Amino acid sequence: MIPSMVVDLLMQNKINYVKLFSASDNVLEAFSAIDIGLEITVPNQSTQKMKTQADVDEWVVQIIVSHPNVHFTYVCVGTMPLSTRFFNQTYPEAIQVLDWMQQALKLMNKSDIKATMNHFTDVLIPVKKPSEAAFRKDLEPNITRSCQILQSYNAPIGVVIFPLLNVNDLFNGDTEFAFLENNSTSVFKDGDKTYSNVIEVMYDMFDVALEKVGCPNMTIIIDAIGWPTDGIKDGNIPNAQRFYQGLAKFVASKKGTPRRPGPIDVYLHNLSDENKINKNAGSFMRHWGIYKFDGQPKFNFDLQGLGHDVKLVPAIGITHMPKRWCIFNDRYASDIGKVAYNVFDDQAKYACDTADCTALDPGGSCSNLTYIQRLSYAFNVGFQKAAQSVYNKSCYYKGYGKIVSDDPSTPSCTFPVEILAAEIPNFSGYAQSLAHALKPSSISLMIAVVQTLFICFTLMCTC
């Protein structure tokens, strides 16, 4: 989708704060003269390349000063740079960049924009009671320095909470304890405080750990919190809807946590599924969206936290490709017992190497398909990724593919039809229109912009 479509979707849903992970010029331009507060991110890899104050100054000029009509609120230095749960390495360089970033913002007369940093809960030692919480010893020096930097200019720190993962790690997989409104048996007392859900537990653990390293009473933003809809046990649309409705009520109540009563700013993770994100931590990493790839909401959700059965506004102006699917040609079904399985598996792997097949993985919505249906699903996502191109024989698969007009979806597994993409992302920082970037026969269906957004509750954001 083009950036203006996404910005319109945000405005129609009265979403006033957004976290953006890719500072592409055309995306930032779409937010010009729009009253949407923007938190932008310096990617982890970029922090490694920033060796001096001058490097950071240049980034601020190119990204922030060059877009004077964008309402920037925060610059998040790195994405969970000290976490090992989602990345193969840590990025301690981000700590120095954090200091340089605030100096650069001050130099450019942008002190109203705060540099900040977030951390996933794996930076904490694995305990269950908030009163026992502390940062891991190997990370404590870097986290201490980062919170001291943030305190020096009164900036908030962010915690990333993924409740379904947290209960699996600490509470024996008690999924019920991950919901704000639940019937869990994991409720417990910690001194004079009662904890009835894992969100309050993790938030207060982070608060205690900060206090123990000399950073008490810091403003803590939940910089990302969400529920996957596929790719993991209990990651599905009904559970996601239940979780978000409860979360919205919690935020709207302003009650806070047992240790920190009062309003909390919360960013939802995230706007749309991300079909290209690294899935080392699990297939669910590509399925956090409250919207489908085509801008249609996955479920009803009252963002105001009033508990109403409210439909989110869908994206306007989306055009789907023709209702055509590529499936395994059933005339060759008898060959499955005669031809080596790896012939078919190789073709499925070929499709999945470029397209997203995570719904087929264990725990996914399409994991219960028959062998032939699995082949068909793989063939189809490859076909859609190639823009249904007949010229490129995108449904050939050594003759085993067949284009059909009847939807092969099952009650639990959707065989997608992609949208006509308006442009493609260029991960060096800018995007191109398809007309200039690619020949018509090789149009990519990667979705720009949507995959880079978080949503912030408008009701509670006080930044």
Protein backbone atom coordinates (compact mmCIF):
# COMPACT_ATOMS: atom_id res chain seq x y z
CA MET A 1 0.00 0.00 0.00
CA ILE A 2 1.17 3.52 -0.69
CA PRO A 3 2.00 5.58 2.41
CA SER A 4 -0.99 7.89 2.02
CA MET A 5 -3.33 4.88 2.23
CA VAL A 6 -1.77 3.83 5.50
CA VAL A 7 -1.85 7.33 6.97
CA ASP A 8 -5.51 7.62 5.96
CA LEU A 9 -6.23 4.30 7.70
CA LEU A 10 -4.59 5.62 10.87
CA MET A 11 -6.53 8.88 10.75
CA GLN A 12 -9.87 7.18 10.08
CA ASN A 13 -9.31 5.03 13.16
CA LYS A 14 -8.29 8.10 15.21
CA ILE A 15 -4.84 6.65 15.90
CA ASN A 16 -2.72 9.62 16.91
CA TYR A 17 0.61 8.03 17.77
CA VAL A 18 2.66 5.61 15.69
CA LYS A 19 6.03 3.93 15.96
CA LEU A 20 7.83 3.64 12.64
CA PHE A 21 10.68 1.21 12.01
CA SER A 22 11.78 2.39 8.58
CA ALA A 23 12.58 6.05 8.00
CA SER A 24 11.98 5.97 4.24
CA ASP A 25 11.72 9.46 2.82
CA ASN A 26 8.38 8.91 1.07
CA VAL A 27 6.86 7.44 4.24
CA LEU A 28 7.94 10.41 6.32
CA GLU A 29 6.54 12.76 3.67
CA ALA A 30 3.15 11.07 4.05
CA PHE A 31 3.14 12.13 7.71
CA SER A 32 3.87 15.78 6.89
CA ALA A 33 1.34 18.29 8.21
CA ILE A 34 -0.55 15.41 9.86
CA ASP A 35 -1.22 15.53 13.58
CA ILE A 36 0.14 12.05 14.25
CA GLY A 37 2.98 11.79 16.75
CA LEU A 38 5.79 9.73 15.27
CA GLU A 39 8.35 7.65 17.11
CA ILE A 40 11.04 6.61 14.66
CA THR A 41 13.70 3.97 15.13
CA VAL A 42 17.39 3.81 14.43
CA PRO A 43 17.85 0.17 13.29
CA ASN A 44 20.26 -1.95 15.30
CA GLN A 45 22.59 -2.36 12.35
CA SER A 46 22.75 1.40 11.88
CA THR A 47 23.92 1.92 15.44
CA GLN A 48 26.98 -0.18 14.59
CA LYS A 49 27.87 2.21 11.78
CA MET A 50 27.56 5.34 13.89
CA LYS A 51 31.12 5.74 15.17
CA THR A 52 31.13 9.42 16.12
CA GLN A 53 28.90 12.27 17.22
CA ALA A 54 29.15 13.61 13.67
CA ASP A 55 27.59 10.42 12.28
CA VAL A 56 24.59 10.85 14.55
CA ASP A 57 24.35 14.56 13.74
CA GLU A 58 24.15 13.68 10.06
CA TRP A 59 21.35 11.16 10.71
CA VAL A 60 19.32 13.77 12.60
CA VAL A 61 19.75 16.26 9.75
CA GLN A 62 18.72 13.75 7.09
CA ILE A 63 15.78 12.25 8.92
CA ILE A 64 14.40 14.88 11.29
CA VAL A 65 15.60 18.32 10.23
CA SER A 66 14.81 17.55 6.59
CA HIS A 67 11.18 16.85 7.51
CA PRO A 68 10.14 19.93 9.49
CA ASN A 69 6.41 19.30 9.09
CA VAL A 70 6.47 15.83 10.67
CA HIS A 71 5.42 15.64 14.32
CA PHE A 72 8.30 13.63 15.76
CA THR A 73 7.97 12.62 19.41
CA TYR A 74 10.74 10.08 20.07
CA VAL A 75 13.79 8.58 18.45
CA CYS A 76 14.15 4.98 19.63
CA VAL A 77 17.81 4.01 19.40
CA GLY A 78 17.85 0.38 18.37
CA THR A 79 15.18 -2.27 18.72
CA MET A 80 15.70 -4.26 21.90
CA PRO A 81 19.47 -3.90 21.29
CA LEU A 82 20.47 -6.02 24.30
CA SER A 83 18.00 -8.84 23.66
CA THR A 84 19.07 -12.28 22.47
CA ARG A 85 15.53 -13.67 22.16
CA PHE A 86 14.96 -12.32 18.66
CA PHE A 87 18.46 -11.60 17.35
CA ASN A 88 21.66 -13.58 16.94
CA GLN A 89 23.68 -10.84 18.60
CA THR A 90 23.38 -7.83 20.87
CA TYR A 91 24.11 -4.25 19.91
CA PRO A 92 25.82 -2.56 22.87
CA GLU A 93 26.98 0.21 20.52
CA ALA A 94 23.46 1.58 20.80
CA ILE A 95 24.18 2.83 24.33
CA GLN A 96 26.74 5.38 23.13
CA VAL A 97 24.54 6.30 20.18
CA LEU A 98 21.72 7.02 22.64
CA ASP A 99 23.84 9.70 24.32
CA TRP A 100 25.00 11.14 21.01
CA MET A 101 21.43 11.20 19.72
CA GLN A 102 20.13 13.43 22.48
CA GLN A 103 23.15 15.71 22.06
CA ALA A 104 22.41 15.94 18.34
CA LEU A 105 18.74 16.72 18.94
CA LYS A 106 19.75 19.48 21.36
CA LEU A 107 22.26 20.87 18.85
CA MET A 108 19.58 21.03 16.15
CA ASN A 109 17.12 22.77 18.51
CA LYS A 110 14.97 19.64 18.65
CA SER A 111 15.09 19.06 22.41
CA ASP A 112 11.33 18.54 22.44
CA ILE A 113 12.07 15.20 20.73
CA LYS A 114 13.45 12.67 23.20
CA ALA A 115 15.88 9.87 22.39
CA THR A 116 14.81 6.65 24.08
CA MET A 117 15.56 2.92 24.14
CA ASN A 118 13.54 -0.22 24.72
CA HIS A 119 14.27 -3.69 26.10
CA PHE A 120 12.53 -7.04 25.92
CA THR A 121 11.88 -8.82 29.19
CA ASP A 122 14.68 -11.32 28.56
CA VAL A 123 17.08 -8.73 30.00
CA LEU A 124 15.65 -9.71 33.41
CA ILE A 125 16.69 -12.70 35.48
CA PRO A 126 14.06 -15.51 35.32
CA VAL A 127 12.04 -15.07 38.51
CA LYS A 128 8.28 -14.96 39.09
CA LYS A 129 7.92 -12.31 41.79
CA PRO A 130 8.47 -8.65 40.91
CA SER A 131 10.14 -7.99 44.27
CA GLU A 132 12.88 -10.46 43.29
CA ALA A 133 13.48 -8.95 39.85
CA ALA A 134 16.87 -7.73 38.62
CA PHE A 135 18.67 -7.28 35.37
CA ARG A 136 20.97 -10.04 34.19
CA LYS A 137 24.49 -9.49 35.51
CA ASP A 138 26.04 -9.61 32.04
CA LEU A 139 23.74 -6.79 30.87
CA GLU A 140 23.54 -4.72 34.04
CA PRO A 141 26.41 -2.30 33.21
CA ASN A 142 24.96 -1.38 29.82
CA ILE A 143 21.38 -1.09 31.06
CA THR A 144 22.55 1.01 34.01
CA ARG A 145 24.37 3.38 31.71
CA SER A 146 21.41 3.62 29.33
CA CYS A 147 18.93 4.45 32.10
CA GLN A 148 21.31 7.04 33.54
CA ILE A 149 21.53 8.70 30.12
CA LEU A 150 17.75 8.72 29.82
CA GLN A 151 17.33 10.11 33.32
CA SER A 152 19.74 12.95 32.57
CA TYR A 153 17.28 14.51 30.13
CA ASN A 154 14.04 13.17 31.60
CA ALA A 155 13.32 10.70 28.81
CA PRO A 156 11.24 7.53 29.21
CA ILE A 157 12.48 3.98 28.86
CA GLY A 158 10.54 1.32 26.96
CA VAL A 159 9.73 -2.25 27.91
CA VAL A 160 8.56 -4.80 25.33
CA ILE A 161 6.05 -7.31 26.70
CA PHE A 162 4.77 -10.29 24.72
CA PRO A 163 2.44 -11.98 27.21
CA LEU A 164 2.07 -15.29 25.38
CA LEU A 165 5.87 -15.71 25.41
CA ASN A 166 6.17 -14.53 29.01
CA VAL A 167 3.72 -17.10 30.38
CA ASN A 168 5.48 -19.82 28.42
CA ASP A 169 8.80 -18.76 29.95
CA LEU A 170 7.76 -18.15 33.55
CA PHE A 171 4.32 -19.56 34.28
CA ASN A 172 4.32 -23.07 32.82
CA GLY A 173 2.48 -22.05 29.68
CA ASP A 174 -0.60 -20.80 31.54
CA THR A 175 -2.14 -18.93 28.60
CA GLU A 176 -5.05 -17.75 30.72
CA PHE A 177 -2.63 -15.69 32.86
CA ALA A 178 -1.64 -13.75 29.71
CA PHE A 179 -5.07 -12.10 29.45
CA LEU A 180 -5.96 -9.02 31.49
CA GLU A 181 -9.39 -10.50 32.24
CA ASN A 182 -8.88 -14.16 33.07
CA ASN A 183 -9.74 -17.19 35.16
CA SER A 184 -6.13 -18.16 35.81
CA THR A 185 -4.95 -20.16 38.78
CA SER A 186 -1.55 -18.45 38.59
CA VAL A 187 -2.71 -15.38 40.53
CA PHE A 188 -0.32 -14.73 43.43
CA LYS A 189 0.63 -12.28 46.16
CA ASP A 190 4.01 -10.59 46.40
CA GLY A 191 4.11 -8.97 49.80
CA ASP A 192 1.02 -6.78 50.03
CA LYS A 193 0.52 -6.71 46.26
CA THR A 194 -1.63 -9.12 44.22
CA TYR A 195 -0.77 -10.01 40.64
CA SER A 196 -3.58 -11.34 38.46
CA ASN A 197 -1.93 -11.23 35.00
CA VAL A 198 1.51 -11.43 33.45
CA ILE A 199 1.46 -7.89 32.02
CA GLU A 200 1.42 -6.32 35.48
CA VAL A 201 4.07 -8.82 36.59
CA MET A 202 6.51 -7.98 33.80
CA TYR A 203 5.96 -4.22 34.06
CA ASP A 204 6.61 -4.19 37.79
CA MET A 205 9.61 -6.49 37.40
CA PHE A 206 11.13 -3.93 35.04
CA ASP A 207 10.36 -1.16 37.52
CA VAL A 208 12.03 -3.05 40.39
CA ALA A 209 15.08 -3.87 38.27
CA LEU A 210 15.48 -0.20 37.31
CA GLU A 211 15.29 0.80 40.95
CA LYS A 212 18.02 -1.70 41.86
CA VAL A 213 20.45 -0.12 39.35
CA GLY A 214 19.81 3.38 40.64
CA CYS A 215 17.07 4.49 38.23
CA PRO A 216 13.89 4.68 40.33
CA ASN A 217 10.65 6.35 39.27
CA MET A 218 11.49 6.48 35.59
CA THR A 219 8.64 6.86 33.12
CA ILE A 220 8.16 3.41 31.60
CA ILE A 221 6.39 3.10 28.27
CA ILE A 222 5.18 -0.28 27.06
CA ASP A 223 6.92 0.24 23.74
CA ALA A 224 5.40 -2.90 22.22
CA ILE A 225 2.81 -5.39 23.37
CA GLY A 226 0.79 -7.78 21.25
CA TRP A 227 -0.67 -11.18 20.54
CA PRO A 228 0.21 -13.22 17.42
CA THR A 229 -2.63 -14.62 15.32
CA ASP A 230 -0.75 -17.54 13.79
CA GLY A 231 2.42 -19.61 13.99
CA ILE A 232 2.33 -20.59 17.69
CA LYS A 233 0.10 -22.52 20.08
CA ASP A 234 -2.80 -20.31 21.22
CA GLY A 235 -1.79 -17.68 18.68
CA ASN A 236 -5.08 -17.18 16.85
CA ILE A 237 -7.59 -14.48 16.00
CA PRO A 238 -10.15 -15.17 18.77
CA ASN A 239 -7.44 -15.06 21.44
CA ALA A 240 -5.93 -11.92 19.94
CA GLN A 241 -9.29 -10.18 19.96
CA ARG A 242 -9.89 -11.16 23.58
CA PHE A 243 -6.43 -9.95 24.57
CA TYR A 244 -6.66 -6.57 22.85
CA GLN A 245 -10.15 -5.85 24.16
CA GLY A 246 -8.93 -6.54 27.69
CA LEU A 247 -5.79 -4.48 27.15
CA ALA A 248 -7.79 -1.51 25.86
CA LYS A 249 -10.00 -1.59 28.95
CA PHE A 250 -6.93 -1.81 31.17
CA VAL A 251 -5.31 1.23 29.55
CA ALA A 252 -8.56 3.20 29.59
CA SER A 253 -9.02 2.49 33.31
CA LYS A 254 -5.78 4.36 34.14
CA LYS A 255 -5.34 2.06 37.11
CA GLY A 256 -1.77 1.08 36.26
CA THR A 257 -0.01 -1.74 38.06
CA PRO A 258 0.29 -2.70 41.75
CA ARG A 259 3.65 -0.87 42.05
CA ARG A 260 2.95 1.93 39.58
CA PRO A 261 -0.68 3.10 39.71
CA GLY A 262 -1.75 5.59 37.08
CA PRO A 263 -1.89 5.85 33.28
CA ILE A 264 0.56 3.95 31.07
CA ASP A 265 1.38 4.73 27.44
CA VAL A 266 1.10 1.59 25.32
CA TYR A 267 2.06 0.83 21.72
CA LEU A 268 0.27 -2.10 20.11
CA HIS A 269 2.44 -4.54 18.21
CA ASN A 270 1.42 -4.13 15.48
CA LEU A 271 -0.60 -2.71 12.61
CA SER A 272 -0.10 -5.46 10.03
CA ASP A 273 1.55 -8.83 9.55
CA GLU A 274 5.15 -8.68 8.31
CA ASN A 275 5.87 -11.26 5.64
CA LYS A 276 9.62 -10.62 5.42
CA ILE A 277 10.63 -10.26 9.06
CA ASN A 278 13.22 -12.61 10.51
CA LYS A 279 11.51 -15.66 11.99
CA ASN A 280 14.42 -17.10 13.98
CA ALA A 281 12.39 -16.78 17.16
CA GLY A 282 9.41 -18.54 15.58
CA SER A 283 6.92 -18.36 12.74
CA PHE A 284 4.62 -16.23 14.89
CA MET A 285 6.98 -13.28 14.37
CA ARG A 286 5.28 -12.64 11.01
CA HIS A 287 1.74 -12.64 12.41
CA TRP A 288 1.39 -9.84 14.96
CA GLY A 289 -0.91 -7.61 12.92
CA ILE A 290 -4.40 -6.49 13.89
CA TYR A 291 -4.84 -5.94 10.15
CA LYS A 292 -4.38 -8.41 7.30
CA PHE A 293 -1.89 -7.60 4.54
CA ASP A 294 -4.68 -6.07 2.44
CA GLY A 295 -5.75 -3.52 5.04
CA GLN A 296 -8.75 -5.47 6.30
CA PRO A 297 -9.07 -5.77 10.10
CA LYS A 298 -8.76 -9.29 11.48
CA PHE A 299 -11.34 -8.70 14.20
CA ASN A 300 -13.55 -6.07 15.82
CA PHE A 301 -11.71 -3.94 18.35
CA ASP A 302 -12.73 -0.92 20.39
CA LEU A 303 -9.56 1.16 20.59
CA GLN A 304 -11.16 3.46 23.17
CA GLY A 305 -11.38 0.62 25.69
CA LEU A 306 -15.14 0.89 26.25
CA GLY A 307 -15.74 -2.76 25.38
CA HIS A 308 -18.00 -2.07 22.42
CA ASP A 309 -18.17 -4.42 19.43
CA VAL A 310 -16.60 -1.85 17.11
CA LYS A 311 -15.28 -2.49 13.62
CA LEU A 312 -11.93 -0.96 12.78
CA VAL A 313 -11.96 1.11 9.60
CA PRO A 314 -10.37 -0.83 6.71
CA ALA A 315 -7.89 0.59 4.24
CA ILE A 316 -9.53 2.46 1.39
CA GLY A 317 -8.52 2.12 -2.26
CA ILE A 318 -7.08 -1.40 -2.13
CA THR A 319 -7.32 -3.46 -5.32
CA HIS A 320 -6.97 -7.22 -5.13
CA MET A 321 -5.51 -9.25 -7.92
CA PRO A 322 -7.88 -11.53 -9.87
CA LYS A 323 -9.43 -14.37 -7.90
CA ARG A 324 -7.04 -16.99 -9.15
CA TRP A 325 -5.09 -19.55 -7.19
CA CYS A 326 -2.25 -21.90 -8.05
CA ILE A 327 -2.66 -25.42 -6.68
CA PHE A 328 -1.14 -28.86 -7.12
CA ASN A 329 -2.58 -30.43 -10.27
CA ASP A 330 -4.66 -33.33 -9.01
CA ARG A 331 -4.12 -35.23 -12.24
CA TYR A 332 -0.69 -36.06 -10.81
CA ALA A 333 -2.00 -37.17 -7.42
CA SER A 334 -1.34 -40.81 -8.32
CA ASP A 335 2.33 -39.93 -8.89
CA ILE A 336 2.82 -39.16 -5.21
CA GLY A 337 3.23 -42.83 -4.43
CA LYS A 338 5.47 -43.42 -7.43
CA VAL A 339 7.67 -40.31 -7.66
CA ALA A 340 10.10 -39.51 -4.86
CA TYR A 341 8.53 -37.14 -2.37
CA ASN A 342 11.47 -34.78 -2.54
CA VAL A 343 10.53 -33.86 -6.13
CA PHE A 344 7.34 -32.28 -4.82
CA ASP A 345 8.96 -31.01 -1.64
CA ASP A 346 11.67 -29.29 -3.67
CA GLN A 347 9.03 -27.36 -5.61
CA ALA A 348 7.25 -26.37 -2.40
CA LYS A 349 10.56 -25.26 -0.89
CA TYR A 350 11.29 -23.26 -4.04
CA ALA A 351 8.01 -21.38 -3.53
CA CYS A 352 8.52 -20.86 0.20
CA ASP A 353 12.08 -19.57 -0.21
CA THR A 354 10.66 -16.31 -1.53
CA ALA A 355 7.10 -16.27 -0.18
CA ASP A 356 5.75 -16.61 3.35
CA CYS A 357 4.72 -20.17 4.25
CA THR A 358 4.76 -19.80 8.02
CA ALA A 359 1.07 -20.69 8.27
CA LEU A 360 2.16 -24.25 7.42
CA ASP A 361 4.53 -24.49 10.37
CA PRO A 362 3.59 -26.38 13.56
CA GLY A 363 0.92 -24.44 15.41
CA GLY A 364 0.01 -22.49 12.29
CA SER A 365 -3.49 -22.11 10.88
CA CYS A 366 -2.61 -24.31 7.89
CA SER A 367 -0.57 -26.94 9.74
CA ASN A 368 -3.40 -29.49 9.58
CA LEU A 369 -3.61 -29.64 5.77
CA THR A 370 -3.15 -32.84 3.83
CA TYR A 371 0.08 -33.34 1.93
CA ILE A 372 -1.51 -32.28 -1.37
CA GLN A 373 -3.10 -29.25 0.27
CA ARG A 374 0.27 -28.25 1.72
CA LEU A 375 1.81 -28.40 -1.74
CA SER A 376 -1.07 -26.31 -3.07
CA TYR A 377 -0.66 -23.71 -0.33
CA ALA A 378 3.07 -23.38 -1.06
CA PHE A 379 2.47 -23.19 -4.81
CA ASN A 380 -0.16 -20.50 -4.31
CA VAL A 381 1.85 -18.16 -2.08
CA GLY A 382 4.68 -18.34 -4.59
CA PHE A 383 2.25 -17.63 -7.40
CA GLN A 384 0.78 -14.62 -5.58
CA LYS A 385 4.24 -13.32 -4.63
CA ALA A 386 5.10 -13.32 -8.34
CA ALA A 387 2.00 -11.23 -9.09
CA GLN A 388 0.21 -14.24 -10.62
CA SER A 389 2.57 -13.91 -13.56
CA VAL A 390 1.79 -16.40 -16.32
CA TYR A 391 4.61 -14.95 -18.43
CA ASN A 392 7.14 -16.01 -15.78
CA LYS A 393 5.46 -19.40 -15.37
CA SER A 394 4.96 -18.68 -11.69
CA CYS A 395 2.48 -21.58 -11.43
CA TYR A 396 4.54 -24.07 -13.42
CA TYR A 397 6.44 -25.95 -10.71
CA LYS A 398 7.83 -28.46 -13.21
CA GLY A 399 4.35 -29.01 -14.58
CA TYR A 400 2.72 -29.88 -11.25
CA GLY A 401 0.97 -26.52 -10.77
CA LYS A 402 -2.47 -25.57 -12.04
CA ILE A 403 -4.32 -22.23 -12.00
CA VAL A 404 -7.90 -22.41 -10.75
CA SER A 405 -10.74 -19.94 -10.10
CA ASP A 406 -12.32 -21.90 -7.24
CA ASP A 407 -11.04 -20.88 -3.81
CA PRO A 408 -9.11 -23.84 -2.30
CA SER A 409 -9.21 -22.39 1.25
CA THR A 410 -10.35 -24.55 4.15
CA PRO A 411 -12.29 -23.41 7.25
CA SER A 412 -9.05 -22.89 9.16
CA CYS A 413 -6.62 -22.05 6.34
CA THR A 414 -6.94 -19.14 3.94
CA PHE A 415 -5.24 -19.38 0.55
CA PRO A 416 -4.51 -15.70 -0.08
CA VAL A 417 -5.02 -13.55 -3.14
CA GLU A 418 -2.58 -10.67 -2.99
CA ILE A 419 -3.23 -6.98 -3.57
CA LEU A 420 -1.90 -4.91 -6.42
CA ALA A 421 1.14 -3.25 -4.92
CA ALA A 422 1.62 0.45 -5.49
CA GLU A 423 5.29 0.47 -4.62
CA ILE A 424 8.02 -1.67 -3.14
CA PRO A 425 10.27 -1.00 -0.17
CA ASN A 426 13.91 -0.24 -0.71
CA PHE A 427 15.60 -1.24 2.51
CA SER A 428 18.38 1.30 2.06
CA GLY A 429 15.79 3.77 3.26
CA TYR A 430 13.74 4.85 0.29
CA ALA A 431 10.93 3.34 -1.75
CA GLN A 432 10.29 3.33 -5.49
CA SER A 433 7.14 3.19 -7.52
CA LEU A 434 6.66 -0.13 -9.26
CA ALA A 435 6.50 1.53 -12.63
CA HIS A 436 10.11 2.65 -12.29
CA ALA A 437 11.46 -0.17 -10.17
CA LEU A 438 10.39 -3.34 -11.91
CA LYS A 439 9.25 -4.73 -15.20
CA PRO A 440 5.54 -5.64 -15.22
CA SER A 441 6.31 -9.35 -15.39
CA SER A 442 8.25 -9.30 -12.13
CA ILE A 443 6.16 -7.01 -9.93
CA SER A 444 6.77 -7.81 -6.30
CA LEU A 445 3.94 -7.99 -3.83
CA MET A 446 5.91 -6.86 -0.82
CA ILE A 447 3.88 -4.41 1.19
CA ALA A 448 5.64 -1.17 2.02
CA VAL A 449 4.91 0.86 5.08
CA VAL A 450 2.29 -1.32 6.81
CA GLN A 451 4.92 -3.76 7.99
CA THR A 452 6.78 -0.94 9.71
CA LEU A 453 4.10 0.45 11.95
CA PHE A 454 3.09 0.07 15.57
CA ILE A 455 -0.10 1.59 16.92
CA CYS A 456 -0.29 3.70 20.05
CA PHE A 457 -3.48 4.05 22.03
CA THR A 458 -4.70 7.58 21.45
CA LEU A 459 -6.65 7.62 24.67
CA MET A 460 -3.69 7.37 26.99
CA CYS A 461 -0.69 8.82 25.17
CA THR A 462 0.54 11.78 27.15
CA CYS A 463 3.82 12.20 25.32
